[in-house]
C-alpha atoms as a PDB file:
ATOM      1  CA  UNK A   1      -9.578 -35.780  -7.434  1.00  0.00           C
ATOM      2  CA  UNK A   2      -6.755 -33.153  -6.564  1.00  0.00           C
ATOM      3  CA  UNK A   3      -5.075 -31.552  -9.563  1.00  0.00           C
ATOM      4  CA  UNK A   4      -1.283 -31.385  -9.395  1.00  0.00           C
ATOM      5  CA  UNK A   5       0.232 -27.927  -9.568  1.00  0.00           C
ATOM      6  CA  UNK A   6       3.946 -27.381  -9.972  1.00  0.00           C
ATOM      7  CA  UNK A   7       5.452 -25.419  -7.082  1.00  0.00           C
ATOM      8  CA  UNK A   8       7.377 -22.330  -8.032  1.00  0.00           C
ATOM      9  CA  UNK A   9       7.957 -18.762  -6.858  1.00  0.00           C
ATOM     10  CA  UNK A  10       6.618 -16.069  -9.363  1.00  0.00           C
ATOM     11  CA  UNK A  11       9.208 -13.686 -10.866  1.00  0.00           C
ATOM     12  CA  UNK A  12       7.180 -12.710 -13.955  1.00  0.00           C
ATOM     13  CA  UNK A  13       5.196  -9.654 -14.711  1.00  0.00           C
ATOM     14  CA  UNK A  14       1.535  -9.939 -13.400  1.00  0.00           C
ATOM     15  CA  UNK A  15      -0.478  -6.975 -12.473  1.00  0.00           C
ATOM     16  CA  UNK A  16      -3.999  -7.973 -11.492  1.00  0.00           C
ATOM     17  CA  UNK A  17      -3.527 -11.273  -9.492  1.00  0.00           C
ATOM     18  CA  UNK A  18      -4.138  -9.378  -6.111  1.00  0.00           C
ATOM     19  CA  UNK A  19      -7.862  -8.788  -5.860  1.00  0.00           C
ATOM     20  CA  UNK A  20      -7.712  -6.959  -2.316  1.00  0.00           C
ATOM     21  CA  UNK A  21      -5.726  -4.207  -0.835  1.00  0.00           C
ATOM     22  CA  UNK A  22      -5.256  -6.498   2.285  1.00  0.00           C
ATOM     23  CA  UNK A  23      -3.589  -9.177   0.197  1.00  0.00           C
ATOM     24  CA  UNK A  24      -0.512  -6.971  -0.738  1.00  0.00           C
ATOM     25  CA  UNK A  25       2.752  -7.889   0.775  1.00  0.00           C
ATOM     26  CA  UNK A  26       4.669  -5.148   2.629  1.00  0.00           C
ATOM     27  CA  UNK A  27       8.306  -4.414   3.027  1.00  0.00           C
ATOM     28  CA  UNK A  28      10.198  -1.377   4.663  1.00  0.00           C
ATOM     29  CA  UNK A  29      13.644  -0.345   3.527  1.00  0.00           C
ATOM     30  CA  UNK A  30      15.942   2.595   3.033  1.00  0.00           C
ATOM     31  CA  UNK A  31      17.518   4.204  -0.002  1.00  0.00           C
ATOM     32  CA  UNK A  32      18.699   7.731  -0.945  1.00  0.00           C
ATOM     33  CA  UNK A  33      15.589  10.191  -1.594  1.00  0.00           C
ATOM     34  CA  UNK A  34      15.831  11.388  -5.326  1.00  0.00           C
ATOM     35  CA  UNK A  35      13.491  14.439  -6.115  1.00  0.00           C
ATOM     36  CA  UNK A  36      11.924  14.709  -9.656  1.00  0.00           C
ATOM     37  CA  UNK A  37      11.341  18.570  -9.317  1.00  0.00           C
ATOM     38  CA  UNK A  38      14.073  19.233 -11.978  1.00  0.00           C
ATOM     39  CA  UNK A  39      12.556  17.049 -14.599  1.00  0.00           C
ATOM     40  CA  UNK A  40       8.785  16.595 -13.661  1.00  0.00           C
ATOM     41  CA  UNK A  41       5.695  18.279 -14.851  1.00  0.00           C
ATOM     42  CA  UNK A  42       4.231  20.741 -12.214  1.00  0.00           C
ATOM     43  CA  UNK A  43       0.867  19.675 -10.786  1.00  0.00           C
ATOM     44  CA  UNK A  44      -1.899  22.071  -9.922  1.00  0.00           C
ATOM     45  CA  UNK A  45      -2.116  21.323  -6.156  1.00  0.00           C
ATOM     46  CA  UNK A  46      -0.344  24.310  -4.811  1.00  0.00           C
ATOM     47  CA  UNK A  47      -3.147  25.336  -2.306  1.00  0.00           C
ATOM     48  CA  UNK A  48      -5.561  24.022   0.124  1.00  0.00           C
ATOM     49  CA  UNK A  49      -7.834  21.061  -0.597  1.00  0.00           C
ATOM     50  CA  UNK A  50      -6.923  21.060  -4.284  1.00  0.00           C
ATOM     51  CA  UNK A  51      -7.016  18.119  -6.856  1.00  0.00           C
ATOM     52  CA  UNK A  52      -5.226  17.756 -10.165  1.00  0.00           C
ATOM     53  CA  UNK A  53      -7.239  15.361 -12.274  1.00  0.00           C
ATOM     54  CA  UNK A  54      -6.407  13.356 -15.478  1.00  0.00           C
ATOM     55  CA  UNK A  55      -2.853  12.925 -14.631  1.00  0.00           C
ATOM     56  CA  UNK A  56      -1.282  10.396 -17.108  1.00  0.00           C
ATOM     57  CA  UNK A  57       0.430   7.476 -15.508  1.00  0.00           C
ATOM     58  CA  UNK A  58       2.186   6.820 -18.801  1.00  0.00           C
ATOM     59  CA  UNK A  59       1.378   3.078 -18.835  1.00  0.00           C
ATOM     60  CA  UNK A  60      -1.367   0.669 -17.690  1.00  0.00           C
ATOM     61  CA  UNK A  61      -1.096   0.172 -13.927  1.00  0.00           C
ATOM     62  CA  UNK A  62      -3.046  -2.664 -12.291  1.00  0.00           C
ATOM     63  CA  UNK A  63      -4.366  -2.383  -8.660  1.00  0.00           C
ATOM     64  CA  UNK A  64      -6.716  -4.879  -6.984  1.00  0.00           C
ATOM     65  CA  UNK A  65      -7.888  -6.437 -10.287  1.00  0.00           C
ATOM     66  CA  UNK A  66      -8.587  -3.119 -12.089  1.00  0.00           C
ATOM     67  CA  UNK A  67      -6.167  -1.546 -14.646  1.00  0.00           C
ATOM     68  CA  UNK A  68      -5.802   2.448 -14.641  1.00  0.00           C
ATOM     69  CA  UNK A  69      -4.072   4.766 -17.055  1.00  0.00           C
ATOM     70  CA  UNK A  70      -4.573   8.107 -15.227  1.00  0.00           C
ATOM     71  CA  UNK A  71      -5.223   9.364 -11.694  1.00  0.00           C
ATOM     72  CA  UNK A  72      -5.872  12.550  -9.654  1.00  0.00           C
ATOM     73  CA  UNK A  73      -3.551  13.721  -6.882  1.00  0.00           C
ATOM     74  CA  UNK A  74      -4.533  15.677  -3.829  1.00  0.00           C
ATOM     75  CA  UNK A  75      -2.761  18.498  -1.959  1.00  0.00           C
ATOM     76  CA  UNK A  76      -3.739  16.370   1.119  1.00  0.00           C
ATOM     77  CA  UNK A  77      -1.021  13.760   0.402  1.00  0.00           C
ATOM     78  CA  UNK A  78      -2.667  11.040  -1.472  1.00  0.00           C
ATOM     79  CA  UNK A  79      -3.570   9.867  -5.071  1.00  0.00           C
ATOM     80  CA  UNK A  80      -6.868   8.170  -6.334  1.00  0.00           C
ATOM     81  CA  UNK A  81      -6.479   5.778  -9.214  1.00  0.00           C
ATOM     82  CA  UNK A  82     -10.135   5.917 -10.401  1.00  0.00           C
ATOM     83  CA  UNK A  83      -9.754   9.633 -11.293  1.00  0.00           C
ATOM     84  CA  UNK A  84     -13.191  10.538 -10.020  1.00  0.00           C
ATOM     85  CA  UNK A  85     -13.438  13.153  -7.302  1.00  0.00           C
ATOM     86  CA  UNK A  86     -15.258  12.470  -4.260  1.00  0.00           C
ATOM     87  CA  UNK A  87     -18.811  13.811  -3.828  1.00  0.00           C
ATOM     88  CA  UNK A  88     -17.450  16.814  -1.913  1.00  0.00           C
ATOM     89  CA  UNK A  89     -14.011  18.149  -1.553  1.00  0.00           C
ATOM     90  CA  UNK A  90     -13.805  19.018   2.084  1.00  0.00           C
ATOM     91  CA  UNK A  91     -13.828  15.479   3.570  1.00  0.00           C
ATOM     92  CA  UNK A  92     -10.662  14.783   1.576  1.00  0.00           C
ATOM     93  CA  UNK A  93      -8.745  16.628   4.251  1.00  0.00           C
ATOM     94  CA  UNK A  94     -10.063  14.302   6.948  1.00  0.00           C
ATOM     95  CA  UNK A  95      -8.219  11.011   7.113  1.00  0.00           C
ATOM     96  CA  UNK A  96     -10.817   8.748   8.324  1.00  0.00           C
ATOM     97  CA  UNK A  97     -12.944   5.759   7.150  1.00  0.00           C
ATOM     98  CA  UNK A  98     -15.986   8.251   6.636  1.00  0.00           C
ATOM     99  CA  UNK A  99     -14.078   9.923   3.964  1.00  0.00           C
ATOM    100  CA  UNK A 100     -12.975   6.617   2.401  1.00  0.00           C
ATOM    101  CA  UNK A 101     -16.605   5.663   2.105  1.00  0.00           C
ATOM    102  CA  UNK A 102     -17.360   8.559  -0.204  1.00  0.00           C
ATOM    103  CA  UNK A 103     -18.280   7.139  -3.730  1.00  0.00           C
ATOM    104  CA  UNK A 104     -15.301   5.857  -5.684  1.00  0.00           C
ATOM    105  CA  UNK A 105     -12.952   7.600  -3.179  1.00  0.00           C
ATOM    106  CA  UNK A 106     -11.746   4.600  -1.370  1.00  0.00           C
ATOM    107  CA  UNK A 107     -11.241   2.559  -4.549  1.00  0.00           C
ATOM    108  CA  UNK A 108      -7.505   2.838  -5.470  1.00  0.00           C
ATOM    109  CA  UNK A 109      -6.780   5.283  -2.687  1.00  0.00           C
ATOM    110  CA  UNK A 110      -3.139   5.335  -2.137  1.00  0.00           C
ATOM    111  CA  UNK A 111      -1.813   7.428   0.740  1.00  0.00           C
ATOM    112  CA  UNK A 112       1.819   8.088   1.438  1.00  0.00           C
ATOM    113  CA  UNK A 113       0.858  10.866   3.871  1.00  0.00           C
ATOM    114  CA  UNK A 114      -2.826  11.588   4.071  1.00  0.00           C
ATOM    115  CA  UNK A 115      -3.620  14.656   6.341  1.00  0.00           C
ATOM    116  CA  UNK A 116      -4.919  18.141   6.115  1.00  0.00           C
ATOM    117  CA  UNK A 117      -1.950  19.581   4.236  1.00  0.00           C
ATOM    118  CA  UNK A 118      -1.505  22.791   2.447  1.00  0.00           C
ATOM    119  CA  UNK A 119       0.400  23.398  -0.738  1.00  0.00           C
ATOM    120  CA  UNK A 120       0.133  27.189  -0.927  1.00  0.00           C
ATOM    121  CA  UNK A 121       3.335  28.653  -2.175  1.00  0.00           C
ATOM    122  CA  UNK A 122       4.723  24.978  -2.732  1.00  0.00           C
ATOM    123  CA  UNK A 123       5.046  22.724  -5.573  1.00  0.00           C
ATOM    124  CA  UNK A 124       4.246  19.213  -6.794  1.00  0.00           C
ATOM    125  CA  UNK A 125       5.607  17.276  -9.760  1.00  0.00           C
ATOM    126  CA  UNK A 126       4.986  14.116 -11.632  1.00  0.00           C
ATOM    127  CA  UNK A 127       6.964  12.150 -14.162  1.00  0.00           C
ATOM    128  CA  UNK A 128       7.089   8.751 -15.995  1.00  0.00           C
ATOM    129  CA  UNK A 129      10.624   7.393 -15.881  1.00  0.00           C
ATOM    130  CA  UNK A 130      12.374   4.545 -17.777  1.00  0.00           C
ATOM    131  CA  UNK A 131      11.387   2.515 -20.618  1.00  0.00           C
ATOM    132  CA  UNK A 132       8.831  -0.067 -21.399  1.00  0.00           C
ATOM    133  CA  UNK A 133       8.199  -2.526 -19.740  1.00  0.00           C
ATOM    134  CA  UNK A 134       9.935  -1.138 -16.657  1.00  0.00           C
ATOM    135  CA  UNK A 135       8.534   2.336 -16.347  1.00  0.00           C
ATOM    136  CA  UNK A 136       7.881   4.110 -13.052  1.00  0.00           C
ATOM    137  CA  UNK A 137       5.394   6.840 -12.544  1.00  0.00           C
ATOM    138  CA  UNK A 138       6.357   9.195  -9.725  1.00  0.00           C
ATOM    139  CA  UNK A 139       4.388  11.911  -7.991  1.00  0.00           C
ATOM    140  CA  UNK A 140       6.161  14.134  -5.440  1.00  0.00           C
ATOM    141  CA  UNK A 141       4.932  16.590  -2.839  1.00  0.00           C
ATOM    142  CA  UNK A 142       7.677  19.360  -2.319  1.00  0.00           C
ATOM    143  CA  UNK A 143       7.807  21.056   0.876  1.00  0.00           C
ATOM    144  CA  UNK A 144       4.170  20.858   1.828  1.00  0.00           C
ATOM    145  CA  UNK A 145       2.949  21.986   5.038  1.00  0.00           C
ATOM    146  CA  UNK A 146       0.302  21.379   7.628  1.00  0.00           C
ATOM    147  CA  UNK A 147      -3.028  23.460   7.147  1.00  0.00           C
ATOM    148  CA  UNK A 148      -3.961  26.086   9.745  1.00  0.00           C
ATOM    149  CA  UNK A 149      -1.506  28.937   9.201  1.00  0.00           C
ATOM    150  CA  UNK A 150       1.809  27.046   9.991  1.00  0.00           C
ATOM    151  CA  UNK A 151       2.306  26.093   6.319  1.00  0.00           C
ATOM    152  CA  UNK A 152       3.923  29.457   5.459  1.00  0.00           C
ATOM    153  CA  UNK A 153       6.788  28.875   7.993  1.00  0.00           C
ATOM    154  CA  UNK A 154      10.090  28.124   6.381  1.00  0.00           C
ATOM    155  CA  UNK A 155      10.730  25.218   8.823  1.00  0.00           C
ATOM    156  CA  UNK A 156       7.267  23.580   8.027  1.00  0.00           C
ATOM    157  CA  UNK A 157       8.302  21.369   5.161  1.00  0.00           C
ATOM    158  CA  UNK A 158       7.196  17.786   4.037  1.00  0.00           C
ATOM    159  CA  UNK A 159       8.806  16.007   1.026  1.00  0.00           C
ATOM    160  CA  UNK A 160       7.545  12.674  -0.006  1.00  0.00           C
ATOM    161  CA  UNK A 161       6.612  10.573  -3.135  1.00  0.00           C
ATOM    162  CA  UNK A 162       4.551   7.814  -4.382  1.00  0.00           C
ATOM    163  CA  UNK A 163       5.983   5.565  -7.227  1.00  0.00           C
ATOM    164  CA  UNK A 164       3.841   3.071  -9.302  1.00  0.00           C
ATOM    165  CA  UNK A 165       5.958   0.334 -11.042  1.00  0.00           C
ATOM    166  CA  UNK A 166       4.863  -1.065 -14.568  1.00  0.00           C
ATOM    167  CA  UNK A 167       4.460  -4.723 -15.003  1.00  0.00           C
ATOM    168  CA  UNK A 168       4.907  -5.714 -11.287  1.00  0.00           C
ATOM    169  CA  UNK A 169       2.210  -3.528  -9.945  1.00  0.00           C
ATOM    170  CA  UNK A 170       4.364  -2.538  -7.027  1.00  0.00           C
ATOM    171  CA  UNK A 171       3.690   0.663  -5.004  1.00  0.00           C
ATOM    172  CA  UNK A 172       6.243   2.641  -3.110  1.00  0.00           C
ATOM    173  CA  UNK A 173       6.124   5.470  -0.718  1.00  0.00           C
ATOM    174  CA  UNK A 174       9.416   7.367  -0.498  1.00  0.00           C
ATOM    175  CA  UNK A 175      10.189  10.024   2.242  1.00  0.00           C
ATOM    176  CA  UNK A 176      12.728  12.880   2.078  1.00  0.00           C
ATOM    177  CA  UNK A 177      14.137  15.577   4.279  1.00  0.00           C
ATOM    178  CA  UNK A 178      11.450  17.265   6.425  1.00  0.00           C
ATOM    179  CA  UNK A 179      10.661  19.609   9.382  1.00  0.00           C
ATOM    180  CA  UNK A 180       7.062  19.985  10.602  1.00  0.00           C
ATOM    181  CA  UNK A 181       4.777  20.537  13.428  1.00  0.00           C
ATOM    182  CA  UNK A 182       2.730  17.848  15.030  1.00  0.00           C
ATOM    183  CA  UNK A 183       0.572  15.691  12.541  1.00  0.00           C
ATOM    184  CA  UNK A 184      -2.125  13.140  12.585  1.00  0.00           C
ATOM    185  CA  UNK A 185      -1.638  11.344   9.292  1.00  0.00           C
ATOM    186  CA  UNK A 186      -2.621   8.017   7.609  1.00  0.00           C
ATOM    187  CA  UNK A 187      -0.233   5.908   5.640  1.00  0.00           C
ATOM    188  CA  UNK A 188      -1.588   3.081   3.647  1.00  0.00           C
ATOM    189  CA  UNK A 189      -3.451   1.663   0.666  1.00  0.00           C
ATOM    190  CA  UNK A 190      -7.172   1.345   0.169  1.00  0.00           C
ATOM    191  CA  UNK A 191      -9.643  -0.404  -1.908  1.00  0.00           C
ATOM    192  CA  UNK A 192     -12.628   0.329   0.275  1.00  0.00           C
ATOM    193  CA  UNK A 193     -13.441   1.189   3.871  1.00  0.00           C
ATOM    194  CA  UNK A 194     -13.281  -2.500   4.673  1.00  0.00           C
ATOM    195  CA  UNK A 195     -10.387  -3.527   2.453  1.00  0.00           C
ATOM    196  CA  UNK A 196      -7.144  -1.666   3.401  1.00  0.00           C
ATOM    197  CA  UNK A 197      -3.827  -1.668   5.007  1.00  0.00           C
ATOM    198  CA  UNK A 198      -2.586   1.164   7.219  1.00  0.00           C
ATOM    199  CA  UNK A 199       0.821   1.538   9.112  1.00  0.00           C
ATOM    200  CA  UNK A 200       0.834   1.957  12.843  1.00  0.00           C
ATOM    201  CA  UNK A 201       3.954   4.050  13.158  1.00  0.00           C
ATOM    202  CA  UNK A 202       6.262   6.023  10.869  1.00  0.00           C
ATOM    203  CA  UNK A 203       9.149   3.829  11.893  1.00  0.00           C
ATOM    204  CA  UNK A 204      11.804   1.730  10.065  1.00  0.00           C
ATOM    205  CA  UNK A 205       9.787  -1.409  10.785  1.00  0.00           C
ATOM    206  CA  UNK A 206       6.151  -0.449  11.024  1.00  0.00           C
ATOM    207  CA  UNK A 207       3.263  -3.013  11.289  1.00  0.00           C
ATOM    208  CA  UNK A 208       0.747  -2.904   8.528  1.00  0.00           C
ATOM    209  CA  UNK A 209      -2.782  -3.858   9.586  1.00  0.00           C
ATOM    210  CA  UNK A 210      -5.985  -4.805   7.509  1.00  0.00           C
ATOM    211  CA  UNK A 211      -7.988  -4.630  10.618  1.00  0.00           C
ATOM    212  CA  UNK A 212      -7.143  -1.567  12.508  1.00  0.00           C
ATOM    213  CA  UNK A 213      -7.360   1.843  10.721  1.00  0.00           C
ATOM    214  CA  UNK A 214      -4.522   4.308  11.887  1.00  0.00           C
ATOM    215  CA  UNK A 215      -5.260   8.012  11.553  1.00  0.00           C
ATOM    216  CA  UNK A 216      -2.718   9.530  14.110  1.00  0.00           C
ATOM    217  CA  UNK A 217       0.828   9.254  12.643  1.00  0.00           C
ATOM    218  CA  UNK A 218       2.558  12.279  14.055  1.00  0.00           C
ATOM    219  CA  UNK A 219       5.434  12.720  11.920  1.00  0.00           C
ATOM    220  CA  UNK A 220       6.796  11.963   8.321  1.00  0.00           C
ATOM    221  CA  UNK A 221       9.122   8.836   8.289  1.00  0.00           C
ATOM    222  CA  UNK A 222      12.829   9.394   8.373  1.00  0.00           C
ATOM    223  CA  UNK A 223      14.629  10.933   5.278  1.00  0.00           C
ATOM    224  CA  UNK A 224      15.417   7.897   3.141  1.00  0.00           C
ATOM    225  CA  UNK A 225      12.675   5.583   4.404  1.00  0.00           C
ATOM    226  CA  UNK A 226      10.819   3.518   1.834  1.00  0.00           C
ATOM    227  CA  UNK A 227       7.577   1.541   2.209  1.00  0.00           C
ATOM    228  CA  UNK A 228       6.746  -0.979  -0.495  1.00  0.00           C
ATOM    229  CA  UNK A 229       3.579  -2.899  -1.131  1.00  0.00           C
ATOM    230  CA  UNK A 230       3.740  -5.778  -3.785  1.00  0.00           C
ATOM    231  CA  UNK A 231       1.508  -8.215  -5.370  1.00  0.00           C
ATOM    232  CA  UNK A 232       0.895 -11.502  -3.544  1.00  0.00           C
ATOM    233  CA  UNK A 233       3.607 -14.064  -3.997  1.00  0.00           C
ATOM    234  CA  UNK A 234       5.945 -11.888  -5.902  1.00  0.00           C
ATOM    235  CA  UNK A 235       6.644 -10.457  -2.561  1.00  0.00           C
ATOM    236  CA  UNK A 236       6.860 -13.698  -0.622  1.00  0.00           C
ATOM    237  CA  UNK A 237      10.068 -14.047   1.235  1.00  0.00           C
ATOM    238  CA  UNK A 238       9.365 -16.863   3.827  1.00  0.00           C
ATOM    239  CA  UNK A 239       9.711 -15.717   7.476  1.00  0.00           C
ATOM    240  CA  UNK A 240      10.660 -18.416   9.903  1.00  0.00           C
ATOM    241  CA  UNK A 241       9.234 -16.579  12.741  1.00  0.00           C
ATOM    242  CA  UNK A 242       8.406 -18.820  15.776  1.00  0.00           C
ATOM    243  CA  UNK A 243       5.375 -16.782  16.751  1.00  0.00           C
ATOM    244  CA  UNK A 244       3.331 -18.190  13.988  1.00  0.00           C
ATOM    245  CA  UNK A 245       3.223 -21.946  13.060  1.00  0.00           C
ATOM    246  CA  UNK A 246       1.443 -23.533  10.058  1.00  0.00           C
ATOM    247  CA  UNK A 247       1.073 -27.291  10.112  1.00  0.00           C
ATOM    248  CA  UNK A 248       1.146 -30.010   9.058  1.00  0.00           C
ATOM    249  CA  UNK A 249       3.444 -29.094   6.075  1.00  0.00           C
ATOM    250  CA  UNK A 250       3.150 -30.941   3.664  1.00  0.00           C
ATOM    251  CA  UNK A 251      -0.560 -31.507   4.209  1.00  0.00           C
ATOM    252  CA  UNK A 252      -3.391 -33.580   2.750  1.00  0.00           C
ATOM    253  CA  UNK A 253      -5.455 -30.452   2.610  1.00  0.00           C
ATOM    254  CA  UNK A 254      -6.234 -29.333   6.067  1.00  0.00           C
ATOM    255  CA  UNK A 255      -4.120 -26.484   7.122  1.00  0.00           C
ATOM    256  CA  UNK A 256      -3.622 -25.188  10.680  1.00  0.00           C
ATOM    257  CA  UNK A 257      -2.317 -21.908  11.783  1.00  0.00           C
ATOM    258  CA  UNK A 258      -1.339 -21.234  15.377  1.00  0.00           C
ATOM    259  CA  UNK A 259       0.093 -17.881  16.656  1.00  0.00           C
ATOM    260  CA  UNK A 260       1.131 -16.475  19.931  1.00  0.00           C
ATOM    261  CA  UNK A 261      -1.220 -13.419  19.244  1.00  0.00           C
ATOM    262  CA  UNK A 262      -4.568 -13.087  17.720  1.00  0.00           C
ATOM    263  CA  UNK A 263      -4.574 -13.664  13.976  1.00  0.00           C
ATOM    264  CA  UNK A 264      -6.067 -10.637  12.165  1.00  0.00           C
ATOM    265  CA  UNK A 265      -5.906 -11.934   8.707  1.00  0.00           C
ATOM    266  CA  UNK A 266      -4.738 -15.070   6.640  1.00  0.00           C
ATOM    267  CA  UNK A 267      -4.444 -14.472   2.753  1.00  0.00           C
ATOM    268  CA  UNK A 268      -3.690 -17.375   0.580  1.00  0.00           C
ATOM    269  CA  UNK A 269      -2.510 -17.427  -3.030  1.00  0.00           C
ATOM    270  CA  UNK A 270      -1.906 -20.398  -5.279  1.00  0.00           C
ATOM    271  CA  UNK A 271       1.196 -20.995  -7.272  1.00  0.00           C
ATOM    272  CA  UNK A 272      -0.045 -18.892 -10.192  1.00  0.00           C
ATOM    273  CA  UNK A 273      -0.442 -15.983  -7.820  1.00  0.00           C
ATOM    274  CA  UNK A 274      -4.198 -16.016  -7.789  1.00  0.00           C
ATOM    275  CA  UNK A 275      -6.082 -15.249  -4.679  1.00  0.00           C
ATOM    276  CA  UNK A 276      -7.631 -18.492  -3.036  1.00  0.00           C
ATOM    277  CA  UNK A 277      -8.923 -17.077   0.113  1.00  0.00           C
ATOM    278  CA  UNK A 278      -8.839 -14.169   2.621  1.00  0.00           C
ATOM    279  CA  UNK A 279      -9.992 -14.664   6.222  1.00  0.00           C
ATOM    280  CA  UNK A 280     -10.108 -12.607   9.356  1.00  0.00           C
ATOM    281  CA  UNK A 281     -10.034 -15.224  12.128  1.00  0.00           C
ATOM    282  CA  UNK A 282      -9.556 -12.810  15.113  1.00  0.00           C
ATOM    283  CA  UNK A 283      -8.229 -15.780  17.154  1.00  0.00           C
ATOM    284  CA  UNK A 284      -5.038 -17.501  17.946  1.00  0.00           C
ATOM    285  CA  UNK A 285      -5.855 -20.714  16.210  1.00  0.00           C
ATOM    286  CA  UNK A 286      -7.430 -21.115  12.722  1.00  0.00           C
ATOM    287  CA  UNK A 287      -8.026 -24.022  10.332  1.00  0.00           C
ATOM    288  CA  UNK A 288      -9.049 -24.152   6.698  1.00  0.00           C
ATOM    289  CA  UNK A 289      -9.015 -26.527   3.734  1.00  0.00           C
ATOM    290  CA  UNK A 290      -7.240 -26.510   0.298  1.00  0.00           C
ATOM    291  CA  UNK A 291      -8.837 -28.816  -2.116  1.00  0.00           C
ATOM    292  CA  UNK A 292      -6.161 -29.103  -4.858  1.00  0.00           C
ATOM    293  CA  UNK A 293      -2.624 -30.353  -4.667  1.00  0.00           C
ATOM    294  CA  UNK A 294       0.291 -27.948  -5.159  1.00  0.00           C
ATOM    295  CA  UNK A 295       2.250 -25.032  -3.488  1.00  0.00           C
ATOM    296  CA  UNK A 296       0.530 -22.183  -1.825  1.00  0.00           C
ATOM    297  CA  UNK A 297       1.836 -18.873  -0.338  1.00  0.00           C
ATOM    298  CA  UNK A 298       0.216 -17.414   2.764  1.00  0.00           C
ATOM    299  CA  UNK A 299       0.291 -14.049   4.366  1.00  0.00           C
ATOM    300  CA  UNK A 300      -0.452 -14.128   8.114  1.00  0.00           C
ATOM    301  CA  UNK A 301      -1.100 -10.781   9.953  1.00  0.00           C
ATOM    302  CA  UNK A 302      -0.911 -10.712  13.706  1.00  0.00           C
ATOM    303  CA  UNK A 303      -0.475  -7.935  16.350  1.00  0.00           C
ATOM    304  CA  UNK A 304       3.172  -8.845  16.332  1.00  0.00           C
ATOM    305  CA  UNK A 305       3.525  -8.319  12.502  1.00  0.00           C
ATOM    306  CA  UNK A 306       3.161  -9.931   9.092  1.00  0.00           C
ATOM    307  CA  UNK A 307       4.681 -13.342   8.398  1.00  0.00           C
ATOM    308  CA  UNK A 308       4.823 -15.104   4.912  1.00  0.00           C
ATOM    309  CA  UNK A 309       4.641 -18.863   4.790  1.00  0.00           C
ATOM    310  CA  UNK A 310       4.748 -21.460   1.919  1.00  0.00           C
ATOM    311  CA  UNK A 311       2.791 -24.697   2.253  1.00  0.00           C
ATOM    312  CA  UNK A 312       2.585 -27.916   0.003  1.00  0.00           C
ATOM    313  CA  UNK A 313      -0.627 -29.796  -0.288  1.00  0.00           C
ATOM    314  CA  UNK A 314      -0.160 -33.419  -1.415  1.00  0.00           C
END
């Protein structure tokens, strides 16, 4: 017998519902870039391939079902929540899936701009802002450069931040003014070498992919660009895009998804924000069954982009 579940959109504070990096919702927006260098604590990453370990987040931050209270940051434009260094330091400069596969390296790997960077003569800062339960942890790389002799040039500057939000578990990448040579970076979030999302371009409307790893982003996003990853249905804002259809809706349990492009991934949450299923059809048409009555939220990833849908099961 189907169990009835009231349909509602979550607005509460839940950190650990999303169990996979691929199931996070994504949004791009713009806002003024605010540096913390006047108020932050300086991090020890002002060099090449350096790590600063044991950095306190200031609160308990939930990511992919695990809670963290500290992290380590790298001069190469990423932070690692497990706070355990990779088995060797050098691969951390190489933004590829082989590096992600290092022990504990891929788990909780958050990359606002992962490339072979150099912080020699530059600075990085961290701070926890606000008050409980709405605190925000910020880590900022200030005027970092590309490794290889160019980072000493006055016009080789990269300014960017990562923000971690208490309670909601939201992750933000914020980008400031910059001037730099050609780069080949990765922007994304990881839980393993097979569970991730990376962006295809540093644009105002990039496409996140849970199936295609991107390691060739050639420039920092524009000053004021913000990329946000949010937990499951907390981030759902239904998109009525005509290139993806979900039917019938309401349904008696059988759900069909039809897209004009190949469907990379379908992620389904129940009304409580809990992950129900995550599938990678790699086809234009996909069907699955939901056994219990209620309201469900779906994230559908195609080559065209990501679409959020809500479906009711009678």
